[in-house]
Amino acid sequence: MGETISKLRSMAHQKHESEPILARDGSEEDRTTPYVSINGNENGYLPYVETENHGSTYCHTCQGTGRIPKDQRNELVALIPYSDQRLQPSRTKLYVSLAVVICLLLSSLAIFFLFPRSIVVTHAGLNSSVVTLATSSQSINLSTTNVLNISNGNFHGIGVTQLDVEVLLVATVIGKSSTSNVTSVGPLGTSQIYYTVNSTIKDNTTYNICTWSKIKVHNVLLHIQGTLTCSSLGHSEQLSFDGYQYVDCRSNTTIPHSLHQLR
């Protein structure tokens, strides 16, 4: 009988020691003590670590075991402290700075090479001419071949899509010419365009100057003006040019041309 009473007192004493000294308020969930799980991969679970923090909440994901099942590791979200080193990889600022510098450098180079620059078009003069005198109508037919210089200041090629030219005598238009798909000019390159304009002069004074033998100089001053349409990188641009040139309507030894007189 004495031994039985001694055992009951010992069990009561152990139960009393296991009880907490200070009572905790709240539900059973709030009384759960954070812990650190150091167990290995037992029964298909991955270790889950909780730190001692009085302001932390109970982990429902680990279901009170302190471990996450392997078959759910791709579906669960882990909470990582802000001070964790994995969120602060080394040389992050260096890599970001290098990426920004490389992007700025590439953008600057693209703007430098693709930025549109000027295209210069100049009238280079007369290459050759064919003069035909019609005595019945007292008119002069001119077929002049002129030269146009194009200078491309861009780092990309351009295409000359349209050439429109007018030939004027004083203020009268005596000839027109229009040509499409003319040529192309390479990057930082130059090119020459030869174009022919057929003109008709119906003026008695000019006809007399060209046919009167007592006059030693038989020159006609022509005014050339036109527009050149260039395309590059998806946009087109119109460039204007003009120039003056003398045409010998009787004979010429410096510029090759032929003379035919109709009777």
C-alpha atoms as a PDB file:
ATOM      1  CA  MET A   1       0.000   0.000   0.000  1.00  0.00           C
ATOM      2  CA  GLY A   2       2.809   2.414   0.819  1.00  0.00           C
ATOM      3  CA  GLU A   3       4.538   1.722  -2.498  1.00  0.00           C
ATOM      4  CA  THR A   4       1.380   2.578  -4.469  1.00  0.00           C
ATOM      5  CA  ILE A   5       1.006   5.932  -2.729  1.00  0.00           C
ATOM      6  CA  SER A   6       4.691   6.691  -3.358  1.00  0.00           C
ATOM      7  CA  LYS A   7       4.278   6.050  -7.120  1.00  0.00           C
ATOM      8  CA  LEU A   8       1.182   8.304  -7.322  1.00  0.00           C
ATOM      9  CA  ARG A   9       3.064  11.123  -5.598  1.00  0.00           C
ATOM     10  CA  SER A  10       6.014  10.723  -8.016  1.00  0.00           C
ATOM     11  CA  MET A  11       3.704  10.918 -11.106  1.00  0.00           C
ATOM     12  CA  ALA A  12       1.946  13.994  -9.710  1.00  0.00           C
ATOM     13  CA  HIS A  13       5.271  15.635  -9.025  1.00  0.00           C
ATOM     14  CA  GLN A  14       6.503  14.979 -12.631  1.00  0.00           C
ATOM     15  CA  LYS A  15       3.244  16.327 -14.100  1.00  0.00           C
ATOM     16  CA  HIS A  16       3.558  19.428 -11.978  1.00  0.00           C
ATOM     17  CA  GLU A  17       7.124  20.053 -13.195  1.00  0.00           C
ATOM     18  CA  SER A  18       6.127  19.697 -16.873  1.00  0.00           C
ATOM     19  CA  GLU A  19       3.507  22.437 -16.602  1.00  0.00           C
ATOM     20  CA  PRO A  20       4.648  25.959 -17.613  1.00  0.00           C
ATOM     21  CA  ILE A  21       5.291  28.430 -14.845  1.00  0.00           C
ATOM     22  CA  LEU A  22       3.470  31.307 -16.661  1.00  0.00           C
ATOM     23  CA  ALA A  23       0.096  30.681 -18.228  1.00  0.00           C
ATOM     24  CA  ARG A  24      -0.351  31.677 -21.890  1.00  0.00           C
ATOM     25  CA  ASP A  25      -3.502  33.200 -23.280  1.00  0.00           C
ATOM     26  CA  GLY A  26      -4.960  32.504 -26.693  1.00  0.00           C
ATOM     27  CA  SER A  27      -5.849  29.466 -28.718  1.00  0.00           C
ATOM     28  CA  GLU A  28      -3.855  26.322 -29.115  1.00  0.00           C
ATOM     29  CA  GLU A  29      -2.480  27.654 -32.359  1.00  0.00           C
ATOM     30  CA  ASP A  30      -1.031  30.736 -30.684  1.00  0.00           C
ATOM     31  CA  ARG A  31       0.580  28.638 -27.935  1.00  0.00           C
ATOM     32  CA  THR A  32       2.599  26.697 -30.468  1.00  0.00           C
ATOM     33  CA  THR A  33       6.301  27.233 -29.815  1.00  0.00           C
ATOM     34  CA  PRO A  34       8.511  27.974 -32.847  1.00  0.00           C
ATOM     35  CA  TYR A  35      11.231  25.421 -33.249  1.00  0.00           C
ATOM     36  CA  VAL A  36      14.082  24.398 -35.493  1.00  0.00           C
ATOM     37  CA  SER A  37      13.803  21.155 -37.377  1.00  0.00           C
ATOM     38  CA  ILE A  38      17.127  19.450 -37.896  1.00  0.00           C
ATOM     39  CA  ASN A  39      15.735  16.142 -39.049  1.00  0.00           C
ATOM     40  CA  GLY A  40      16.991  14.708 -42.261  1.00  0.00           C
ATOM     41  CA  ASN A  41      15.024  13.347 -45.199  1.00  0.00           C
ATOM     42  CA  GLU A  42      12.900  10.961 -43.202  1.00  0.00           C
ATOM     43  CA  ASN A  43       9.746   9.467 -44.683  1.00  0.00           C
ATOM     44  CA  GLY A  44       9.994  11.610 -47.804  1.00  0.00           C
ATOM     45  CA  TYR A  45      10.079  15.021 -46.036  1.00  0.00           C
ATOM     46  CA  LEU A  46      12.380  18.011 -46.594  1.00  0.00           C
ATOM     47  CA  PRO A  47      13.626  19.923 -43.529  1.00  0.00           C
ATOM     48  CA  TYR A  48      11.871  23.194 -42.706  1.00  0.00           C
ATOM     49  CA  VAL A  49      13.502  25.754 -40.424  1.00  0.00           C
ATOM     50  CA  GLU A  50      11.682  28.174 -38.125  1.00  0.00           C
ATOM     51  CA  THR A  51      13.475  30.753 -35.986  1.00  0.00           C
ATOM     52  CA  GLU A  52      12.501  31.821 -32.481  1.00  0.00           C
ATOM     53  CA  ASN A  53      10.410  34.965 -32.876  1.00  0.00           C
ATOM     54  CA  HIS A  54       7.549  36.002 -30.599  1.00  0.00           C
ATOM     55  CA  GLY A  55       5.912  37.877 -33.501  1.00  0.00           C
ATOM     56  CA  SER A  56       5.917  34.917 -35.918  1.00  0.00           C
ATOM     57  CA  THR A  57       2.813  33.028 -37.003  1.00  0.00           C
ATOM     58  CA  TYR A  58       2.211  29.344 -37.049  1.00  0.00           C
ATOM     59  CA  CYS A  59       3.356  27.554 -40.194  1.00  0.00           C
ATOM     60  CA  HIS A  60       0.333  25.878 -41.736  1.00  0.00           C
ATOM     61  CA  THR A  61       2.287  24.697 -44.739  1.00  0.00           C
ATOM     62  CA  CYS A  62       4.453  22.265 -42.819  1.00  0.00           C
ATOM     63  CA  GLN A  63       1.368  20.984 -40.930  1.00  0.00           C
ATOM     64  CA  GLY A  64       3.132  21.155 -37.572  1.00  0.00           C
ATOM     65  CA  THR A  65       5.849  18.692 -38.572  1.00  0.00           C
ATOM     66  CA  GLY A  66       8.552  21.208 -39.379  1.00  0.00           C
ATOM     67  CA  ARG A  67       9.096  19.463 -42.709  1.00  0.00           C
ATOM     68  CA  ILE A  68       7.706  19.911 -46.234  1.00  0.00           C
ATOM     69  CA  PRO A  69       6.717  16.831 -48.285  1.00  0.00           C
ATOM     70  CA  LYS A  70       8.882  16.239 -51.337  1.00  0.00           C
ATOM     71  CA  ASP A  71       5.893  15.819 -53.632  1.00  0.00           C
ATOM     72  CA  GLN A  72       4.696  19.333 -52.719  1.00  0.00           C
ATOM     73  CA  ARG A  73       7.965  21.246 -52.929  1.00  0.00           C
ATOM     74  CA  ASN A  74       7.065  22.689 -56.373  1.00  0.00           C
ATOM     75  CA  GLU A  75       3.662  23.850 -55.133  1.00  0.00           C
ATOM     76  CA  LEU A  76       4.503  25.469 -51.795  1.00  0.00           C
ATOM     77  CA  VAL A  77       5.848  28.955 -51.213  1.00  0.00           C
ATOM     78  CA  ALA A  78       8.766  29.420 -48.841  1.00  0.00           C
ATOM     79  CA  LEU A  79       9.122  32.534 -46.680  1.00  0.00           C
ATOM     80  CA  ILE A  80      12.720  33.777 -46.780  1.00  0.00           C
ATOM     81  CA  PRO A  81      13.890  36.518 -44.375  1.00  0.00           C
ATOM     82  CA  TYR A  82      14.847  39.822 -45.938  1.00  0.00           C
ATOM     83  CA  SER A  83      18.324  39.555 -44.447  1.00  0.00           C
ATOM     84  CA  ASP A  84      18.924  36.166 -46.066  1.00  0.00           C
ATOM     85  CA  GLN A  85      22.122  36.137 -48.114  1.00  0.00           C
ATOM     86  CA  ARG A  86      20.360  34.426 -50.992  1.00  0.00           C
ATOM     87  CA  LEU A  87      18.444  37.658 -51.563  1.00  0.00           C
ATOM     88  CA  GLN A  88      21.684  39.605 -51.654  1.00  0.00           C
ATOM     89  CA  PRO A  89      23.865  37.928 -54.274  1.00  0.00           C
ATOM     90  CA  SER A  90      27.380  39.213 -54.630  1.00  0.00           C
ATOM     91  CA  ARG A  91      28.276  41.810 -57.297  1.00  0.00           C
ATOM     92  CA  THR A  92      24.664  42.612 -58.088  1.00  0.00           C
ATOM     93  CA  LYS A  93      25.379  46.324 -58.381  1.00  0.00           C
ATOM     94  CA  LEU A  94      28.339  45.599 -60.648  1.00  0.00           C
ATOM     95  CA  TYR A  95      26.288  43.441 -63.007  1.00  0.00           C
ATOM     96  CA  VAL A  96      23.439  45.939 -63.117  1.00  0.00           C
ATOM     97  CA  SER A  97      25.845  48.800 -63.794  1.00  0.00           C
ATOM     98  CA  LEU A  98      27.544  46.868 -66.589  1.00  0.00           C
ATOM     99  CA  ALA A  99      24.172  46.038 -68.154  1.00  0.00           C
ATOM    100  CA  VAL A 100      23.112  49.690 -68.056  1.00  0.00           C
ATOM    101  CA  VAL A 101      26.419  50.862 -69.544  1.00  0.00           C
ATOM    102  CA  ILE A 102      26.265  48.272 -72.343  1.00  0.00           C
ATOM    103  CA  CYS A 103      22.669  49.232 -73.181  1.00  0.00           C
ATOM    104  CA  LEU A 104      23.575  52.920 -73.282  1.00  0.00           C
ATOM    105  CA  LEU A 105      26.608  52.193 -75.456  1.00  0.00           C
ATOM    106  CA  LEU A 106      24.600  50.111 -77.932  1.00  0.00           C
ATOM    107  CA  SER A 107      21.876  52.752 -78.075  1.00  0.00           C
ATOM    108  CA  SER A 108      24.424  55.495 -78.718  1.00  0.00           C
ATOM    109  CA  LEU A 109      26.066  53.499 -81.499  1.00  0.00           C
ATOM    110  CA  ALA A 110      22.702  52.745 -83.101  1.00  0.00           C
ATOM    111  CA  ILE A 111      21.709  56.411 -82.989  1.00  0.00           C
ATOM    112  CA  PHE A 112      25.100  57.482 -84.351  1.00  0.00           C
ATOM    113  CA  PHE A 113      25.051  55.123 -87.345  1.00  0.00           C
ATOM    114  CA  LEU A 114      21.322  55.297 -88.118  1.00  0.00           C
ATOM    115  CA  PHE A 115      20.803  59.014 -87.595  1.00  0.00           C
ATOM    116  CA  PRO A 116      19.887  60.557 -90.979  1.00  0.00           C
ATOM    117  CA  ARG A 117      22.530  62.814 -92.482  1.00  0.00           C
ATOM    118  CA  SER A 118      22.522  65.180 -95.415  1.00  0.00           C
ATOM    119  CA  ILE A 119      22.432  64.083 -99.045  1.00  0.00           C
ATOM    120  CA  VAL A 120      24.050  66.598-101.395  1.00  0.00           C
ATOM    121  CA  VAL A 121      22.851  66.881-105.012  1.00  0.00           C
ATOM    122  CA  THR A 122      24.652  69.198-107.446  1.00  0.00           C
ATOM    123  CA  HIS A 123      24.280  69.873-111.140  1.00  0.00           C
ATOM    124  CA  ALA A 124      27.611  68.962-112.769  1.00  0.00           C
ATOM    125  CA  GLY A 125      26.904  70.411-116.223  1.00  0.00           C
ATOM    126  CA  LEU A 126      26.416  69.227-119.791  1.00  0.00           C
ATOM    127  CA  ASN A 127      27.846  65.962-121.044  1.00  0.00           C
ATOM    128  CA  SER A 128      26.694  66.016-124.687  1.00  0.00           C
ATOM    129  CA  SER A 129      24.016  67.530-126.880  1.00  0.00           C
ATOM    130  CA  VAL A 130      22.332  66.918-130.197  1.00  0.00           C
ATOM    131  CA  VAL A 131      20.977  70.009-132.006  1.00  0.00           C
ATOM    132  CA  THR A 132      18.411  69.816-134.802  1.00  0.00           C
ATOM    133  CA  LEU A 133      17.330  72.949-136.715  1.00  0.00           C
ATOM    134  CA  ALA A 134      13.922  72.911-138.411  1.00  0.00           C
ATOM    135  CA  THR A 135      13.856  75.662-141.066  1.00  0.00           C
ATOM    136  CA  SER A 136      10.210  75.185-141.919  1.00  0.00           C
ATOM    137  CA  SER A 137       8.989  75.993-138.427  1.00  0.00           C
ATOM    138  CA  GLN A 138      12.093  77.986-137.424  1.00  0.00           C
ATOM    139  CA  SER A 139      12.503  75.954-134.273  1.00  0.00           C
ATOM    140  CA  ILE A 140      15.443  74.302-132.551  1.00  0.00           C
ATOM    141  CA  ASN A 141      15.277  70.785-131.119  1.00  0.00           C
ATOM    142  CA  LEU A 142      17.770  70.072-128.354  1.00  0.00           C
ATOM    143  CA  SER A 143      18.573  66.696-126.868  1.00  0.00           C
ATOM    144  CA  THR A 144      20.917  67.355-123.967  1.00  0.00           C
ATOM    145  CA  THR A 145      22.541  64.796-121.697  1.00  0.00           C
ATOM    146  CA  ASN A 146      23.391  66.279-118.314  1.00  0.00           C
ATOM    147  CA  VAL A 147      25.338  65.037-115.285  1.00  0.00           C
ATOM    148  CA  LEU A 148      24.129  65.054-111.686  1.00  0.00           C
ATOM    149  CA  ASN A 149      26.420  64.390-108.714  1.00  0.00           C
ATOM    150  CA  ILE A 150      25.046  62.740-105.572  1.00  0.00           C
ATOM    151  CA  SER A 151      26.962  62.544-102.308  1.00  0.00           C
ATOM    152  CA  ASN A 152      25.617  60.309 -99.519  1.00  0.00           C
ATOM    153  CA  GLY A 153      26.707  61.327 -96.021  1.00  0.00           C
ATOM    154  CA  ASN A 154      24.889  58.479 -94.233  1.00  0.00           C
ATOM    155  CA  PHE A 155      26.341  55.268 -92.831  1.00  0.00           C
ATOM    156  CA  HIS A 156      23.698  53.324 -94.738  1.00  0.00           C
ATOM    157  CA  GLY A 157      22.836  53.123 -98.414  1.00  0.00           C
ATOM    158  CA  ILE A 158      20.143  55.165-100.139  1.00  0.00           C
ATOM    159  CA  GLY A 159      18.066  54.591-103.248  1.00  0.00           C
ATOM    160  CA  VAL A 160      17.202  57.229-105.857  1.00  0.00           C
ATOM    161  CA  THR A 161      13.612  56.434-106.789  1.00  0.00           C
ATOM    162  CA  GLN A 162      12.530  59.434-108.873  1.00  0.00           C
ATOM    163  CA  LEU A 163      14.145  62.177-110.951  1.00  0.00           C
ATOM    164  CA  ASP A 164      12.078  65.079-112.349  1.00  0.00           C
ATOM    165  CA  VAL A 165      13.799  67.745-114.458  1.00  0.00           C
ATOM    166  CA  GLU A 166      12.663  70.898-116.252  1.00  0.00           C
ATOM    167  CA  VAL A 167      14.639  72.918-118.802  1.00  0.00           C
ATOM    168  CA  LEU A 168      13.855  76.615-119.086  1.00  0.00           C
ATOM    169  CA  LEU A 169      14.888  79.270-121.600  1.00  0.00           C
ATOM    170  CA  VAL A 170      14.651  82.577-119.720  1.00  0.00           C
ATOM    171  CA  ALA A 171      11.259  81.914-118.021  1.00  0.00           C
ATOM    172  CA  THR A 172       9.736  79.501-120.548  1.00  0.00           C
ATOM    173  CA  VAL A 173       9.727  75.754-120.010  1.00  0.00           C
ATOM    174  CA  ILE A 174      11.039  74.131-123.184  1.00  0.00           C
ATOM    175  CA  GLY A 175      11.567  70.557-121.995  1.00  0.00           C
ATOM    176  CA  LYS A 176      10.720  68.077-119.245  1.00  0.00           C
ATOM    177  CA  SER A 177      12.021  64.690-118.166  1.00  0.00           C
ATOM    178  CA  SER A 178      10.947  62.139-115.558  1.00  0.00           C
ATOM    179  CA  THR A 179      12.804  58.947-114.609  1.00  0.00           C
ATOM    180  CA  SER A 180      11.998  56.341-111.941  1.00  0.00           C
ATOM    181  CA  ASN A 181      14.217  53.784-110.173  1.00  0.00           C
ATOM    182  CA  VAL A 182      17.330  55.698-111.098  1.00  0.00           C
ATOM    183  CA  THR A 183      20.196  54.285-109.019  1.00  0.00           C
ATOM    184  CA  SER A 184      21.446  53.501-105.528  1.00  0.00           C
ATOM    185  CA  VAL A 185      24.311  55.030-103.546  1.00  0.00           C
ATOM    186  CA  GLY A 186      26.287  53.120-100.919  1.00  0.00           C
ATOM    187  CA  PRO A 187      27.203  54.288 -97.407  1.00  0.00           C
ATOM    188  CA  LEU A 188      29.378  57.418 -97.460  1.00  0.00           C
ATOM    189  CA  GLY A 189      29.544  57.050-101.239  1.00  0.00           C
ATOM    190  CA  THR A 190      29.145  59.239-104.307  1.00  0.00           C
ATOM    191  CA  SER A 191      27.510  58.594-107.638  1.00  0.00           C
ATOM    192  CA  GLN A 192      26.790  60.298-110.954  1.00  0.00           C
ATOM    193  CA  ILE A 193      23.504  60.265-112.822  1.00  0.00           C
ATOM    194  CA  TYR A 194      23.286  60.892-116.552  1.00  0.00           C
ATOM    195  CA  TYR A 195      19.878  62.031-117.744  1.00  0.00           C
ATOM    196  CA  THR A 196      18.637  63.236-121.117  1.00  0.00           C
ATOM    197  CA  VAL A 197      16.088  65.981-121.719  1.00  0.00           C
ATOM    198  CA  ASN A 198      14.499  66.709-125.106  1.00  0.00           C
ATOM    199  CA  SER A 199      13.695  70.402-125.553  1.00  0.00           C
ATOM    200  CA  THR A 200      12.177  72.501-128.328  1.00  0.00           C
ATOM    201  CA  ILE A 201      12.911  76.207-128.730  1.00  0.00           C
ATOM    202  CA  LYS A 202      10.288  78.091-130.753  1.00  0.00           C
ATOM    203  CA  ASP A 203      11.741  81.566-130.741  1.00  0.00           C
ATOM    204  CA  ASN A 204      12.737  83.493-133.856  1.00  0.00           C
ATOM    205  CA  THR A 205      15.448  85.473-132.106  1.00  0.00           C
ATOM    206  CA  THR A 206      17.118  82.363-130.773  1.00  0.00           C
ATOM    207  CA  TYR A 207      16.766  80.671-134.145  1.00  0.00           C
ATOM    208  CA  ASN A 208      18.508  83.588-135.859  1.00  0.00           C
ATOM    209  CA  ILE A 209      21.332  83.507-133.307  1.00  0.00           C
ATOM    210  CA  CYS A 210      21.900  79.815-134.000  1.00  0.00           C
ATOM    211  CA  THR A 211      21.726  80.061-137.815  1.00  0.00           C
ATOM    212  CA  TRP A 212      23.209  83.472-138.670  1.00  0.00           C
ATOM    213  CA  SER A 213      26.708  82.921-139.934  1.00  0.00           C
ATOM    214  CA  LYS A 214      27.903  86.472-139.124  1.00  0.00           C
ATOM    215  CA  ILE A 215      27.592  85.733-135.432  1.00  0.00           C
ATOM    216  CA  LYS A 216      30.636  83.900-134.156  1.00  0.00           C
ATOM    217  CA  VAL A 217      29.164  82.721-130.832  1.00  0.00           C
ATOM    218  CA  HIS A 218      26.023  80.573-131.016  1.00  0.00           C
ATOM    219  CA  ASN A 219      25.287  79.854-127.380  1.00  0.00           C
ATOM    220  CA  VAL A 220      21.944  79.333-125.683  1.00  0.00           C
ATOM    221  CA  LEU A 221      21.708  79.714-121.904  1.00  0.00           C
ATOM    222  CA  LEU A 222      19.507  77.052-120.376  1.00  0.00           C
ATOM    223  CA  HIS A 223      18.246  76.908-116.795  1.00  0.00           C
ATOM    224  CA  ILE A 224      18.075  73.377-115.363  1.00  0.00           C
ATOM    225  CA  GLN A 225      15.981  72.727-112.273  1.00  0.00           C
ATOM    226  CA  GLY A 226      14.595  69.548-110.810  1.00  0.00           C
ATOM    227  CA  THR A 227      13.848  67.382-107.797  1.00  0.00           C
ATOM    228  CA  LEU A 228      15.426  64.113-106.712  1.00  0.00           C
ATOM    229  CA  THR A 229      13.521  61.654-104.491  1.00  0.00           C
ATOM    230  CA  CYS A 230      15.696  59.477-102.259  1.00  0.00           C
ATOM    231  CA  SER A 231      14.581  56.697 -99.912  1.00  0.00           C
ATOM    232  CA  SER A 232      16.421  55.211 -96.949  1.00  0.00           C
ATOM    233  CA  LEU A 233      15.376  53.219 -93.856  1.00  0.00           C
ATOM    234  CA  GLY A 234      11.708  53.307 -94.774  1.00  0.00           C
ATOM    235  CA  HIS A 235      11.337  57.045 -95.382  1.00  0.00           C
ATOM    236  CA  SER A 236      11.709  59.200 -98.486  1.00  0.00           C
ATOM    237  CA  GLU A 237      13.147  62.673 -98.985  1.00  0.00           C
ATOM    238  CA  GLN A 238      12.908  65.143-101.856  1.00  0.00           C
ATOM    239  CA  LEU A 239      15.988  67.163-102.784  1.00  0.00           C
ATOM    240  CA  SER A 240      15.933  70.085-105.199  1.00  0.00           C
ATOM    241  CA  PHE A 241      18.735  71.264-107.476  1.00  0.00           C
ATOM    242  CA  ASP A 242      19.241  73.809-110.221  1.00  0.00           C
ATOM    243  CA  GLY A 243      21.962  75.055-112.498  1.00  0.00           C
ATOM    244  CA  TYR A 244      22.755  76.984-115.655  1.00  0.00           C
ATOM    245  CA  GLN A 245      24.557  75.758-118.739  1.00  0.00           C
ATOM    246  CA  TYR A 246      25.424  77.030-122.194  1.00  0.00           C
ATOM    247  CA  VAL A 247      24.621  74.973-125.257  1.00  0.00           C
ATOM    248  CA  ASP A 248      26.302  75.743-128.567  1.00  0.00           C
ATOM    249  CA  CYS A 249      23.503  75.415-131.093  1.00  0.00           C
ATOM    250  CA  ARG A 250      25.808  75.839-134.099  1.00  0.00           C
ATOM    251  CA  SER A 251      29.113  74.103-133.419  1.00  0.00           C
ATOM    252  CA  ASN A 252      31.152  73.093-130.431  1.00  0.00           C
ATOM    253  CA  THR A 253      34.654  71.720-130.126  1.00  0.00           C
ATOM    254  CA  THR A 254      34.863  71.214-126.348  1.00  0.00           C
ATOM    255  CA  ILE A 255      31.656  69.312-125.603  1.00  0.00           C
ATOM    256  CA  PRO A 256      30.829  66.448-127.987  1.00  0.00           C
ATOM    257  CA  HIS A 257      27.547  66.916-129.798  1.00  0.00           C
ATOM    258  CA  SER A 258      26.277  66.505-133.351  1.00  0.00           C
ATOM    259  CA  LEU A 259      24.425  69.015-135.576  1.00  0.00           C
ATOM    260  CA  HIS A 260      21.726  68.071-138.034  1.00  0.00           C
ATOM    261  CA  GLN A 261      19.879  70.623-140.161  1.00  0.00           C
ATOM    262  CA  LEU A 262      16.587  69.722-141.782  1.00  0.00           C
ATOM    263  CA  ARG A 263      15.765  71.279-145.136  1.00  0.00           C
END
